[in-house]
Amino acid sequence: RTRLLLNDNQIEAALAMLPPLLESAETQEYLWGMIKILL
């Protein structure tokens, strides 16, 4: 969903969604997910 928001130029909405996703990926030590969210 965040990627679709980015592609639709809804940058602020995408940025609002990403930090909790990154925190969750870090908690689960989900490396690939962390990398994709950082990108």
Full PDB file with SEQRES, HELIX, SHEET, SSBOND, CRYST1, ORIGX, SCALE, CONECT and MASTER records, all heavy atoms in Angstrom:
SEQRES   1 A   39  ARG THR ARG LEU LEU LEU ASN ASP ASN GLN ILE GLU ALA          
SEQRES   2 A   39  ALA LEU ALA MET LEU PRO PRO LEU LEU GLU SER ALA GLU          
SEQRES   3 A   39  THR GLN GLU TYR LEU TRP GLY MET ILE LYS ILE LEU LEU          
HELIX    1 AA1 THR A    2  ASN A    7  1                                   6    
HELIX    2 AA2 ILE A   11  THR A   27  1                                  17    
HELIX    3 AA3 LEU A   31  LEU A   38  1                                   8    
CRYST1    1.000    1.000    1.000  90.00  90.00  90.00 P 1           1          
ORIGX1      1.000000  0.000000  0.000000        0.00000                         
ORIGX2      0.000000  1.000000  0.000000        0.00000                         
ORIGX3      0.000000  0.000000  1.000000        0.00000                         
SCALE1      1.000000  0.000000  0.000000        0.00000                         
SCALE2      0.000000  1.000000  0.000000        0.00000                         
SCALE3      0.000000  0.000000  1.000000        0.00000                         
ATOM      1  N   ARG A   1       0.832  -1.208   0.000  1.00  0.00           N  
ATOM      2  CA  ARG A   1       0.000   0.000   0.000  1.00  0.00           C  
ATOM      3  C   ARG A   1       0.868   1.260   0.000  1.00  0.00           C  
ATOM      4  O   ARG A   1       0.541   2.244  -0.679  1.00  0.00           O  
ATOM      5  CB  ARG A   1      -0.923   0.003   1.217  1.00  0.00           C  
ATOM      6  CG  ARG A   1      -1.997  -1.095   1.177  1.00  0.00           C  
ATOM      7  CD  ARG A   1      -3.051  -0.886   2.253  1.00  0.00           C  
ATOM      8  NE  ARG A   1      -4.013  -1.973   2.272  1.00  0.00           N  
ATOM      9  CZ  ARG A   1      -3.976  -2.989   3.115  1.00  0.00           C  
ATOM     10  NH1 ARG A   1      -3.027  -3.069   4.028  1.00  0.00           N  
ATOM     11  NH2 ARG A   1      -4.898  -3.946   3.056  1.00  0.00           N  
ATOM     12  N   THR A   2       1.952   1.238   0.774  1.00  0.00           N  
ATOM     13  CA  THR A   2       2.812   2.427   0.803  1.00  0.00           C  
ATOM     14  C   THR A   2       3.479   2.645  -0.551  1.00  0.00           C  
ATOM     15  O   THR A   2       3.653   3.794  -0.977  1.00  0.00           O  
ATOM     16  CB  THR A   2       3.896   2.322   1.897  1.00  0.00           C  
ATOM     17  OG1 THR A   2       4.758   1.222   1.634  1.00  0.00           O  
ATOM     18  CG2 THR A   2       3.271   2.158   3.261  1.00  0.00           C  
ATOM     19  N   ARG A   3       3.847   1.562  -1.220  1.00  0.00           N  
ATOM     20  CA  ARG A   3       4.459   1.708  -2.541  1.00  0.00           C  
ATOM     21  C   ARG A   3       3.451   2.329  -3.521  1.00  0.00           C  
ATOM     22  O   ARG A   3       3.806   3.183  -4.337  1.00  0.00           O  
ATOM     23  CB  ARG A   3       4.943   0.361  -3.067  1.00  0.00           C  
ATOM     24  CG  ARG A   3       5.583   0.453  -4.457  1.00  0.00           C  
ATOM     25  CD  ARG A   3       6.150  -0.854  -4.946  1.00  0.00           C  
ATOM     26  NE  ARG A   3       7.426  -1.128  -4.295  1.00  0.00           N  
ATOM     27  CZ  ARG A   3       7.572  -2.016  -3.320  1.00  0.00           C  
ATOM     28  NH1 ARG A   3       6.528  -2.719  -2.893  1.00  0.00           N  
ATOM     29  NH2 ARG A   3       8.758  -2.220  -2.764  1.00  0.00           N  
ATOM     30  N   LEU A   4       2.212   1.899  -3.446  1.00  0.00           N  
ATOM     31  CA  LEU A   4       1.179   2.466  -4.312  1.00  0.00           C  
ATOM     32  C   LEU A   4       0.970   3.953  -4.010  1.00  0.00           C  
ATOM     33  O   LEU A   4       0.759   4.754  -4.923  1.00  0.00           O  
ATOM     34  CB  LEU A   4      -0.134   1.699  -4.139  1.00  0.00           C  
ATOM     35  CG  LEU A   4      -0.120   0.244  -4.630  1.00  0.00           C  
ATOM     36  CD1 LEU A   4      -1.429  -0.456  -4.273  1.00  0.00           C  
ATOM     37  CD2 LEU A   4       0.139   0.173  -6.130  1.00  0.00           C  
ATOM     38  N   LEU A   5       1.028   4.314  -2.720  1.00  0.00           N  
ATOM     39  CA  LEU A   5       0.912   5.721  -2.348  1.00  0.00           C  
ATOM     40  C   LEU A   5       2.061   6.535  -2.931  1.00  0.00           C  
ATOM     41  O   LEU A   5       1.861   7.643  -3.439  1.00  0.00           O  
ATOM     42  CB  LEU A   5       0.888   5.869  -0.817  1.00  0.00           C  
ATOM     43  CG  LEU A   5      -0.384   5.413  -0.107  1.00  0.00           C  
ATOM     44  CD1 LEU A   5      -0.173   5.413   1.404  1.00  0.00           C  
ATOM     45  CD2 LEU A   5      -1.564   6.309  -0.475  1.00  0.00           C  
ATOM     46  N   LEU A   6       3.270   5.986  -2.852  1.00  0.00           N  
ATOM     47  CA  LEU A   6       4.431   6.669  -3.422  1.00  0.00           C  
ATOM     48  C   LEU A   6       4.258   6.863  -4.922  1.00  0.00           C  
ATOM     49  O   LEU A   6       4.536   7.943  -5.463  1.00  0.00           O  
ATOM     50  CB  LEU A   6       5.709   5.869  -3.149  1.00  0.00           C  
ATOM     51  CG  LEU A   6       6.321   5.985  -1.759  1.00  0.00           C  
ATOM     52  CD1 LEU A   6       7.529   5.064  -1.638  1.00  0.00           C  
ATOM     53  CD2 LEU A   6       6.728   7.424  -1.467  1.00  0.00           C  
ATOM     54  N   ASN A   7       3.830   5.799  -5.594  1.00  0.00           N  
ATOM     55  CA  ASN A   7       3.641   5.881  -7.044  1.00  0.00           C  
ATOM     56  C   ASN A   7       2.561   6.882  -7.419  1.00  0.00           C  
ATOM     57  O   ASN A   7       2.572   7.430  -8.528  1.00  0.00           O  
ATOM     58  CB  ASN A   7       3.307   4.497  -7.606  1.00  0.00           C  
ATOM     59  CG  ASN A   7       4.469   3.531  -7.496  1.00  0.00           C  
ATOM     60  OD1 ASN A   7       5.613   3.941  -7.320  1.00  0.00           O  
ATOM     61  ND2 ASN A   7       4.184   2.243  -7.591  1.00  0.00           N  
ATOM     62  N   ASP A   8       1.639   7.122  -6.473  1.00  0.00           N  
ATOM     63  CA  ASP A   8       0.559   8.089  -6.702  1.00  0.00           C  
ATOM     64  C   ASP A   8       0.928   9.470  -6.163  1.00  0.00           C  
ATOM     65  O   ASP A   8       0.085  10.367  -6.094  1.00  0.00           O  
ATOM     66  CB  ASP A   8      -0.721   7.590  -6.019  1.00  0.00           C  
ATOM     67  CG  ASP A   8      -1.965   8.295  -6.537  1.00  0.00           C  
ATOM     68  OD1 ASP A   8      -2.007   8.622  -7.739  1.00  0.00           O  
ATOM     69  OD2 ASP A   8      -2.898   8.512  -5.743  1.00  0.00           O  
ATOM     70  N   ASN A   9       2.200   9.612  -5.767  1.00  0.00           N  
ATOM     71  CA  ASN A   9       2.732  10.879  -5.259  1.00  0.00           C  
ATOM     72  C   ASN A   9       2.079  11.333  -3.956  1.00  0.00           C  
ATOM     73  O   ASN A   9       2.082  12.513  -3.629  1.00  0.00           O  
ATOM     74  CB  ASN A   9       2.603  11.992  -6.307  1.00  0.00           C  
ATOM     75  CG  ASN A   9       3.630  13.097  -6.099  1.00  0.00           C  
ATOM     76  OD1 ASN A   9       4.760  12.847  -5.696  1.00  0.00           O  
ATOM     77  ND2 ASN A   9       3.247  14.325  -6.380  1.00  0.00           N  
ATOM     78  N   GLN A  10       1.558  10.382  -3.188  1.00  0.00           N  
ATOM     79  CA  GLN A  10       0.997  10.707  -1.866  1.00  0.00           C  
ATOM     80  C   GLN A  10       2.099  10.443  -0.823  1.00  0.00           C  
ATOM     81  O   GLN A  10       2.039   9.507  -0.040  1.00  0.00           O  
ATOM     82  CB  GLN A  10      -0.250   9.859  -1.598  1.00  0.00           C  
ATOM     83  CG  GLN A  10      -1.379  10.127  -2.580  1.00  0.00           C  
ATOM     84  CD  GLN A  10      -2.641   9.359  -2.238  1.00  0.00           C  
ATOM     85  OE1 GLN A  10      -3.118   9.380  -1.098  1.00  0.00           O  
ATOM     86  NE2 GLN A  10      -3.197   8.657  -3.220  1.00  0.00           N  
ATOM     87  N   ILE A  11       3.092  11.304  -0.834  1.00  0.00           N  
ATOM     88  CA  ILE A  11       4.321  11.086  -0.074  1.00  0.00           C  
ATOM     89  C   ILE A  11       4.084  11.114   1.434  1.00  0.00           C  
ATOM     90  O   ILE A  11       4.570  10.239   2.170  1.00  0.00           O  
ATOM     91  CB  ILE A  11       5.394  12.130  -0.453  1.00  0.00           C  
ATOM     92  CG1 ILE A  11       5.543  12.210  -1.981  1.00  0.00           C  
ATOM     93  CG2 ILE A  11       6.713  11.781   0.206  1.00  0.00           C  
ATOM     94  CD1 ILE A  11       5.887  10.915  -2.645  1.00  0.00           C  
ATOM     95  N   GLU A  12       3.361  12.120   1.913  1.00  0.00           N  
ATOM     96  CA  GLU A  12       3.138  12.250   3.354  1.00  0.00           C  
ATOM     97  C   GLU A  12       2.390  11.037   3.900  1.00  0.00           C  
ATOM     98  O   GLU A  12       2.703  10.534   4.989  1.00  0.00           O  
ATOM     99  CB  GLU A  12       2.357  13.532   3.658  1.00  0.00           C  
ATOM    100  CG  GLU A  12       3.142  14.813   3.414  1.00  0.00           C  
ATOM    101  CD  GLU A  12       4.324  14.958   4.368  1.00  0.00           C  
ATOM    102  OE1 GLU A  12       4.339  14.285   5.420  1.00  0.00           O  
ATOM    103  OE2 GLU A  12       5.232  15.745   4.057  1.00  0.00           O  
ATOM    104  N   ALA A  13       1.407  10.562   3.166  1.00  0.00           N  
ATOM    105  CA  ALA A  13       0.636   9.392   3.607  1.00  0.00           C  
ATOM    106  C   ALA A  13       1.537   8.164   3.682  1.00  0.00           C  
ATOM    107  O   ALA A  13       1.442   7.368   4.624  1.00  0.00           O  
ATOM    108  CB  ALA A  13      -0.525   9.140   2.657  1.00  0.00           C  
ATOM    109  N   ALA A  14       2.422   8.004   2.703  1.00  0.00           N  
ATOM    110  CA  ALA A  14       3.342   6.871   2.702  1.00  0.00           C  
ATOM    111  C   ALA A  14       4.312   6.957   3.879  1.00  0.00           C  
ATOM    112  O   ALA A  14       4.552   5.964   4.583  1.00  0.00           O  
ATOM    113  CB  ALA A  14       4.116   6.814   1.388  1.00  0.00           C  
ATOM    114  N   LEU A  15       4.848   8.145   4.113  1.00  0.00           N  
ATOM    115  CA  LEU A  15       5.810   8.325   5.209  1.00  0.00           C  
ATOM    116  C   LEU A  15       5.170   8.049   6.567  1.00  0.00           C  
ATOM    117  O   LEU A  15       5.838   7.571   7.481  1.00  0.00           O  
ATOM    118  CB  LEU A  15       6.381   9.743   5.181  1.00  0.00           C  
ATOM    119  CG  LEU A  15       7.511   9.992   4.181  1.00  0.00           C  
ATOM    120  CD1 LEU A  15       7.875  11.466   4.137  1.00  0.00           C  
ATOM    121  CD2 LEU A  15       8.743   9.151   4.525  1.00  0.00           C  
ATOM    122  N   ALA A  16       3.899   8.351   6.697  1.00  0.00           N  
ATOM    123  CA  ALA A  16       3.213   8.117   7.968  1.00  0.00           C  
ATOM    124  C   ALA A  16       3.078   6.626   8.261  1.00  0.00           C  
ATOM    125  O   ALA A  16       3.064   6.203   9.429  1.00  0.00           O  
ATOM    126  CB  ALA A  16       1.841   8.773   7.947  1.00  0.00           C  
ATOM    127  N   MET A  17       2.990   5.808   7.222  1.00  0.00           N  
ATOM    128  CA  MET A  17       2.783   4.372   7.404  1.00  0.00           C  
ATOM    129  C   MET A  17       4.083   3.609   7.664  1.00  0.00           C  
ATOM    130  O   MET A  17       4.068   2.546   8.281  1.00  0.00           O  
ATOM    131  CB  MET A  17       2.114   3.781   6.153  1.00  0.00           C  
ATOM    132  CG  MET A  17       0.681   4.225   5.933  1.00  0.00           C  
ATOM    133  SD  MET A  17      -0.027   3.516   4.420  1.00  0.00           S  
ATOM    134  CE  MET A  17      -0.052   1.764   4.869  1.00  0.00           C  
ATOM    135  N   LEU A  18       5.209   4.142   7.190  1.00  0.00           N  
ATOM    136  CA  LEU A  18       6.440   3.349   7.164  1.00  0.00           C  
ATOM    137  C   LEU A  18       7.145   3.157   8.516  1.00  0.00           C  
ATOM    138  O   LEU A  18       7.642   2.061   8.792  1.00  0.00           O  
ATOM    139  CB  LEU A  18       7.411   3.942   6.142  1.00  0.00           C  
ATOM    140  CG  LEU A  18       6.991   3.717   4.689  1.00  0.00           C  
ATOM    141  CD1 LEU A  18       7.794   4.598   3.741  1.00  0.00           C  
ATOM    142  CD2 LEU A  18       7.158   2.245   4.320  1.00  0.00           C  
ATOM    143  N   PRO A  19       7.228   4.165   9.404  1.00  0.00           N  
ATOM    144  CA  PRO A  19       7.960   3.957  10.664  1.00  0.00           C  
ATOM    145  C   PRO A  19       7.468   2.785  11.502  1.00  0.00           C  
ATOM    146  O   PRO A  19       8.276   1.977  11.973  1.00  0.00           O  
ATOM    147  CB  PRO A  19       7.811   5.297  11.385  1.00  0.00           C  
ATOM    148  CG  PRO A  19       7.659   6.279  10.280  1.00  0.00           C  
ATOM    149  CD  PRO A  19       6.842   5.580   9.240  1.00  0.00           C  
ATOM    150  N   PRO A  20       6.154   2.614  11.724  1.00  0.00           N  
ATOM    151  CA  PRO A  20       5.716   1.450  12.507  1.00  0.00           C  
ATOM    152  C   PRO A  20       6.003   0.126  11.814  1.00  0.00           C  
ATOM    153  O   PRO A  20       6.264  -0.881  12.477  1.00  0.00           O  
ATOM    154  CB  PRO A  20       4.203   1.669  12.680  1.00  0.00           C  
ATOM    155  CG  PRO A  20       3.819   2.673  11.652  1.00  0.00           C  
ATOM    156  CD  PRO A  20       5.007   3.514  11.433  1.00  0.00           C  
ATOM    157  N   LEU A  21       5.980   0.126  10.479  1.00  0.00           N  
ATOM    158  CA  LEU A  21       6.326  -1.101   9.746  1.00  0.00           C  
ATOM    159  C   LEU A  21       7.793  -1.442   9.959  1.00  0.00           C  
ATOM    160  O   LEU A  21       8.154  -2.614  10.142  1.00  0.00           O  
ATOM    161  CB  LEU A  21       6.037  -0.927   8.250  1.00  0.00           C  
ATOM    162  CG  LEU A  21       4.569  -0.838   7.832  1.00  0.00           C  
ATOM    163  CD1 LEU A  21       4.463  -0.620   6.327  1.00  0.00           C  
ATOM    164  CD2 LEU A  21       3.826  -2.098   8.231  1.00  0.00           C  
ATOM    165  N   LEU A  22       8.652  -0.429   9.934  1.00  0.00           N  
ATOM    166  CA  LEU A  22      10.073  -0.662  10.152  1.00  0.00           C  
ATOM    167  C   LEU A  22      10.325  -1.158  11.572  1.00  0.00           C  
ATOM    168  O   LEU A  22      11.104  -2.099  11.788  1.00  0.00           O  
ATOM    169  CB  LEU A  22      10.862   0.630   9.898  1.00  0.00           C  
ATOM    170  CG  LEU A  22      12.377   0.533  10.107  1.00  0.00           C  
ATOM    171  CD1 LEU A  22      12.993  -0.524   9.190  1.00  0.00           C  
ATOM    172  CD2 LEU A  22      13.038   1.892   9.868  1.00  0.00           C  
ATOM    173  N   GLU A  23       9.662  -0.546  12.534  1.00  0.00           N  
ATOM    174  CA  GLU A  23       9.827  -0.971  13.929  1.00  0.00           C  
ATOM    175  C   GLU A  23       9.412  -2.427  14.112  1.00  0.00           C  
ATOM    176  O   GLU A  23      10.094  -3.206  14.798  1.00  0.00           O  
ATOM    177  CB  GLU A  23       9.004  -0.073  14.845  1.00  0.00           C  
ATOM    178  CG  GLU A  23       9.163  -0.408  16.324  1.00  0.00           C  
ATOM    179  CD  GLU A  23       8.344   0.515  17.217  1.00  0.00           C  
ATOM    180  OE1 GLU A  23       7.738   1.467  16.701  1.00  0.00           O  
ATOM    181  OE2 GLU A  23       8.303   0.268  18.442  1.00  0.00           O  
ATOM    182  N   SER A  24       8.320  -2.804  13.487  1.00  0.00           N  
ATOM    183  CA  SER A  24       7.845  -4.192  13.585  1.00  0.00           C  
ATOM    184  C   SER A  24       8.831  -5.155  12.940  1.00  0.00           C  
ATOM    185  O   SER A  24       9.128  -6.223  13.484  1.00  0.00           O  
ATOM    186  CB  SER A  24       6.473  -4.328  12.936  1.00  0.00           C  
ATOM    187  OG  SER A  24       6.018  -5.660  13.001  1.00  0.00           O  
ATOM    188  N   ALA A  25       9.344  -4.787  11.752  1.00  0.00           N  
ATOM    189  CA  ALA A  25      10.316  -5.644  11.061  1.00  0.00           C  
ATOM    190  C   ALA A  25      11.586  -5.804  11.889  1.00  0.00           C  
ATOM    191  O   ALA A  25      12.176  -6.891  11.959  1.00  0.00           O  
ATOM    192  CB  ALA A  25      10.640  -5.068   9.686  1.00  0.00           C  
ATOM    193  N   GLU A  26      12.012  -4.725  12.538  1.00  0.00           N  
ATOM    194  CA  GLU A  26      13.202  -4.789  13.392  1.00  0.00           C  
ATOM    195  C   GLU A  26      12.955  -5.696  14.589  1.00  0.00           C  
ATOM    196  O   GLU A  26      13.827  -6.501  14.958  1.00  0.00           O  
ATOM    197  CB  GLU A  26      13.576  -3.376  13.861  1.00  0.00           C  
ATOM    198  CG  GLU A  26      14.117  -2.494  12.755  1.00  0.00           C  
ATOM    199  CD  GLU A  26      14.286  -1.051  13.201  1.00  0.00           C  
ATOM    200  OE1 GLU A  26      13.567  -0.615  14.134  1.00  0.00           O  
ATOM    201  OE2 GLU A  26      15.118  -0.346  12.617  1.00  0.00           O  
ATOM    202  N   THR A  27      11.773  -5.593  15.190  1.00  0.00           N  
ATOM    203  CA  THR A  27      11.432  -6.426  16.339  1.00  0.00           C  
ATOM    204  C   THR A  27      11.453  -7.909  15.966  1.00  0.00           C  
ATOM    205  O   THR A  27      11.910  -8.748  16.737  1.00  0.00           O  
ATOM    206  CB  THR A  27      10.036  -6.047  16.882  1.00  0.00           C  
ATOM    207  OG1 THR A  27      10.058  -4.677  17.297  1.00  0.00           O  
ATOM    208  CG2 THR A  27       9.655  -6.928  18.063  1.00  0.00           C  
ATOM    209  N   GLN A  28      10.958  -8.212  14.772  1.00  0.00           N  
ATOM    210  CA  GLN A  28      10.905  -9.597  14.317  1.00  0.00           C  
ATOM    211  C   GLN A  28      12.215 -10.059  13.670  1.00  0.00           C  
ATOM    212  O   GLN A  28      12.337 -11.205  13.251  1.00  0.00           O  
ATOM    213  CB  GLN A  28       9.765  -9.759  13.297  1.00  0.00           C  
ATOM    214  CG  GLN A  28       8.389  -9.486  13.876  1.00  0.00           C  
ATOM    215  CD  GLN A  28       7.316  -9.574  12.815  1.00  0.00           C  
ATOM    216  OE1 GLN A  28       6.979 -10.654  12.335  1.00  0.00           O  
ATOM    217  NE2 GLN A  28       6.765  -8.425  12.422  1.00  0.00           N  
ATOM    218  N   GLU A  29      13.182  -9.125  13.570  1.00  0.00           N  
ATOM    219  CA  GLU A  29      14.464  -9.403  12.919  1.00  0.00           C  
ATOM    220  C   GLU A  29      14.238  -9.900  11.490  1.00  0.00           C  
ATOM    221  O   GLU A  29      14.898 -10.822  11.010  1.00  0.00           O  
ATOM    222  CB  GLU A  29      15.286 -10.415  13.728  1.00  0.00           C  
ATOM    223  CG  GLU A  29      15.651  -9.913  15.112  1.00  0.00           C  
ATOM    224  CD  GLU A  29      16.525 -10.876  15.886  1.00  0.00           C  
ATOM    225  OE1 GLU A  29      16.650 -12.035  15.449  1.00  0.00           O  
ATOM    226  OE2 GLU A  29      17.093 -10.467  16.907  1.00  0.00           O  
ATOM    227  N   TYR A  30      13.280  -9.254  10.820  1.00  0.00           N  
ATOM    228  CA  TYR A  30      12.923  -9.598   9.445  1.00  0.00           C  
ATOM    229  C   TYR A  30      13.774  -8.730   8.518  1.00  0.00           C  
ATOM    230  O   TYR A  30      13.377  -7.648   8.116  1.00  0.00           O  
ATOM    231  CB  TYR A  30      11.428  -9.365   9.246  1.00  0.00           C  
ATOM    232  CG  TYR A  30      10.894  -9.678   7.880  1.00  0.00           C  
ATOM    233  CD1 TYR A  30      11.436 -10.676   7.083  1.00  0.00           C  
ATOM    234  CD2 TYR A  30       9.802  -8.964   7.379  1.00  0.00           C  
ATOM    235  CE1 TYR A  30      10.932 -10.955   5.831  1.00  0.00           C  
ATOM    236  CE2 TYR A  30       9.277  -9.241   6.123  1.00  0.00           C  
ATOM    237  CZ  TYR A  30       9.850 -10.240   5.360  1.00  0.00           C  
ATOM    238  OH  TYR A  30       9.337 -10.505   4.112  1.00  0.00           O  
ATOM    239  N   LEU A  31      14.967  -9.225   8.175  1.00  0.00           N  
ATOM    240  CA  LEU A  31      15.971  -8.427   7.476  1.00  0.00           C  
ATOM    241  C   LEU A  31      15.477  -7.904   6.136  1.00  0.00           C  
ATOM    242  O   LEU A  31      15.604  -6.709   5.850  1.00  0.00           O  
ATOM    243  CB  LEU A  31      17.242  -9.258   7.280  1.00  0.00           C  
ATOM    244  CG  LEU A  31      18.382  -8.551   6.531  1.00  0.00           C  
ATOM    245  CD1 LEU A  31      18.862  -7.333   7.303  1.00  0.00           C  
ATOM    246  CD2 LEU A  31      19.538  -9.518   6.289  1.00  0.00           C  
ATOM    247  N   TRP A  32      14.933  -8.784   5.300  1.00  0.00           N  
ATOM    248  CA  TRP A  32      14.512  -8.345   3.973  1.00  0.00           C  
ATOM    249  C   TRP A  32      13.422  -7.276   4.078  1.00  0.00           C  
ATOM    250  O   TRP A  32      13.436  -6.283   3.344  1.00  0.00           O  
ATOM    251  CB  TRP A  32      14.023  -9.534   3.155  1.00  0.00           C  
ATOM    252  CG  TRP A  32      13.700  -9.178   1.739  1.00  0.00           C  
ATOM    253  CD1 TRP A  32      14.571  -8.985   0.706  1.00  0.00           C  
ATOM    254  CD2 TRP A  32      12.393  -8.935   1.191  1.00  0.00           C  
ATOM    255  NE1 TRP A  32      13.900  -8.654  -0.451  1.00  0.00           N  
ATOM    256  CE2 TRP A  32      12.559  -8.616  -0.184  1.00  0.00           C  
ATOM    257  CE3 TRP A  32      11.115  -8.975   1.720  1.00  0.00           C  
ATOM    258  CZ2 TRP A  32      11.483  -8.336  -1.024  1.00  0.00           C  
ATOM    259  CZ3 TRP A  32      10.033  -8.683   0.883  1.00  0.00           C  
ATOM    260  CH2 TRP A  32      10.228  -8.371  -0.469  1.00  0.00           C  
ATOM    261  N   GLY A  33      12.492  -7.464   5.017  1.00  0.00           N  
ATOM    262  CA  GLY A  33      11.454  -6.469   5.223  1.00  0.00           C  
ATOM    263  C   GLY A  33      12.036  -5.137   5.651  1.00  0.00           C  
ATOM    264  O   GLY A  33      11.601  -4.075   5.190  1.00  0.00           O  
ATOM    265  N   MET A  34      13.023  -5.157   6.543  1.00  0.00           N  
ATOM    266  CA  MET A  34      13.677  -3.925   6.973  1.00  0.00           C  
ATOM    267  C   MET A  34      14.286  -3.193   5.786  1.00  0.00           C  
ATOM    268  O   MET A  34      14.132  -1.969   5.642  1.00  0.00           O  
ATOM    269  CB  MET A  34      14.771  -4.241   8.009  1.00  0.00           C  
ATOM    270  CG  MET A  34      14.251  -4.719   9.344  1.00  0.00           C  
ATOM    271  SD  MET A  34      15.589  -5.395  10.382  1.00  0.00           S  
ATOM    272  CE  MET A  34      16.693  -3.984  10.469  1.00  0.00           C  
ATOM    273  N   ILE A  35      14.972  -3.935   4.935  1.00  0.00           N  
ATOM    274  CA  ILE A  35      15.642  -3.328   3.783  1.00  0.00           C  
ATOM    275  C   ILE A  35      14.626  -2.687   2.849  1.00  0.00           C  
ATOM    276  O   ILE A  35      14.789  -1.539   2.410  1.00  0.00           O  
ATOM    277  CB  ILE A  35      16.486  -4.371   3.037  1.00  0.00           C  
ATOM    278  CG1 ILE A  35      17.661  -4.826   3.920  1.00  0.00           C  
ATOM    279  CG2 ILE A  35      17.005  -3.814   1.710  1.00  0.00           C  
ATOM    280  CD1 ILE A  35      18.358  -6.078   3.433  1.00  0.00           C  
ATOM    281  N   LYS A  36      13.547  -3.405   2.534  1.00  0.00           N  
ATOM    282  CA  LYS A  36      12.542  -2.878   1.615  1.00  0.00           C  
ATOM    283  C   LYS A  36      11.880  -1.615   2.184  1.00  0.00           C  
ATOM    284  O   LYS A  36      11.617  -0.655   1.452  1.00  0.00           O  
ATOM    285  CB  LYS A  36      11.477  -3.934   1.331  1.00  0.00           C  
ATOM    286  CG  LYS A  36      11.988  -5.145   0.573  1.00  0.00           C  
ATOM    287  CD  LYS A  36      12.549  -4.784  -0.792  1.00  0.00           C  
ATOM    288  CE  LYS A  36      11.484  -4.453  -1.797  1.00  0.00           C  
ATOM    289  NZ  LYS A  36      12.035  -4.243  -3.171  1.00  0.00           N  
ATOM    290  N   ILE A  37      11.622  -1.611   3.492  1.00  0.00           N  
ATOM    291  CA  ILE A  37      10.992  -0.443   4.108  1.00  0.00           C  
ATOM    292  C   ILE A  37      11.948   0.748   4.093  1.00  0.00           C  
ATOM    293  O   ILE A  37      11.549   1.887   3.810  1.00  0.00           O  
ATOM    294  CB  ILE A  37      10.542  -0.765   5.548  1.00  0.00           C  
ATOM    295  CG1 ILE A  37       9.416  -1.819   5.518  1.00  0.00           C  
ATOM    296  CG2 ILE A  37      10.054   0.500   6.259  1.00  0.00           C  
ATOM    297  CD1 ILE A  37       9.155  -2.483   6.842  1.00  0.00           C  
ATOM    298  N   LEU A  38      13.209   0.515   4.366  1.00  0.00           N  
ATOM    299  CA  LEU A  38      14.210   1.587   4.307  1.00  0.00           C  
ATOM    300  C   LEU A  38      14.287   2.178   2.900  1.00  0.00           C  
ATOM    301  O   LEU A  38      14.418   3.396   2.733  1.00  0.00           O  
ATOM    302  CB  LEU A  38      15.584   1.056   4.729  1.00  0.00           C  
ATOM    303  CG  LEU A  38      15.760   0.785   6.222  1.00  0.00           C  
ATOM    304  CD1 LEU A  38      17.033  -0.025   6.469  1.00  0.00           C  
ATOM    305  CD2 LEU A  38      15.799   2.087   7.022  1.00  0.00           C  
ATOM    306  N   LEU A  39      14.195   1.317   1.890  1.00  0.00           N  
ATOM    307  CA  LEU A  39      14.247   1.803   0.508  1.00  0.00           C  
ATOM    308  C   LEU A  39      13.012   2.644   0.175  1.00  0.00           C  
ATOM    309  O   LEU A  39      13.120   3.663  -0.521  1.00  0.00           O  
ATOM    310  CB  LEU A  39      14.373   0.632  -0.465  1.00  0.00           C  
ATOM    311  CG  LEU A  39      15.668  -0.177  -0.374  1.00  0.00           C  
ATOM    312  CD1 LEU A  39      15.688  -1.281  -1.422  1.00  0.00           C  
ATOM    313  CD2 LEU A  39      16.899   0.718  -0.531  1.00  0.00           C  
TER     314      LEU A  39                                                      
MASTER        0    0    0    3    0    0    0    6  313    1    0    3          
END                                                                             
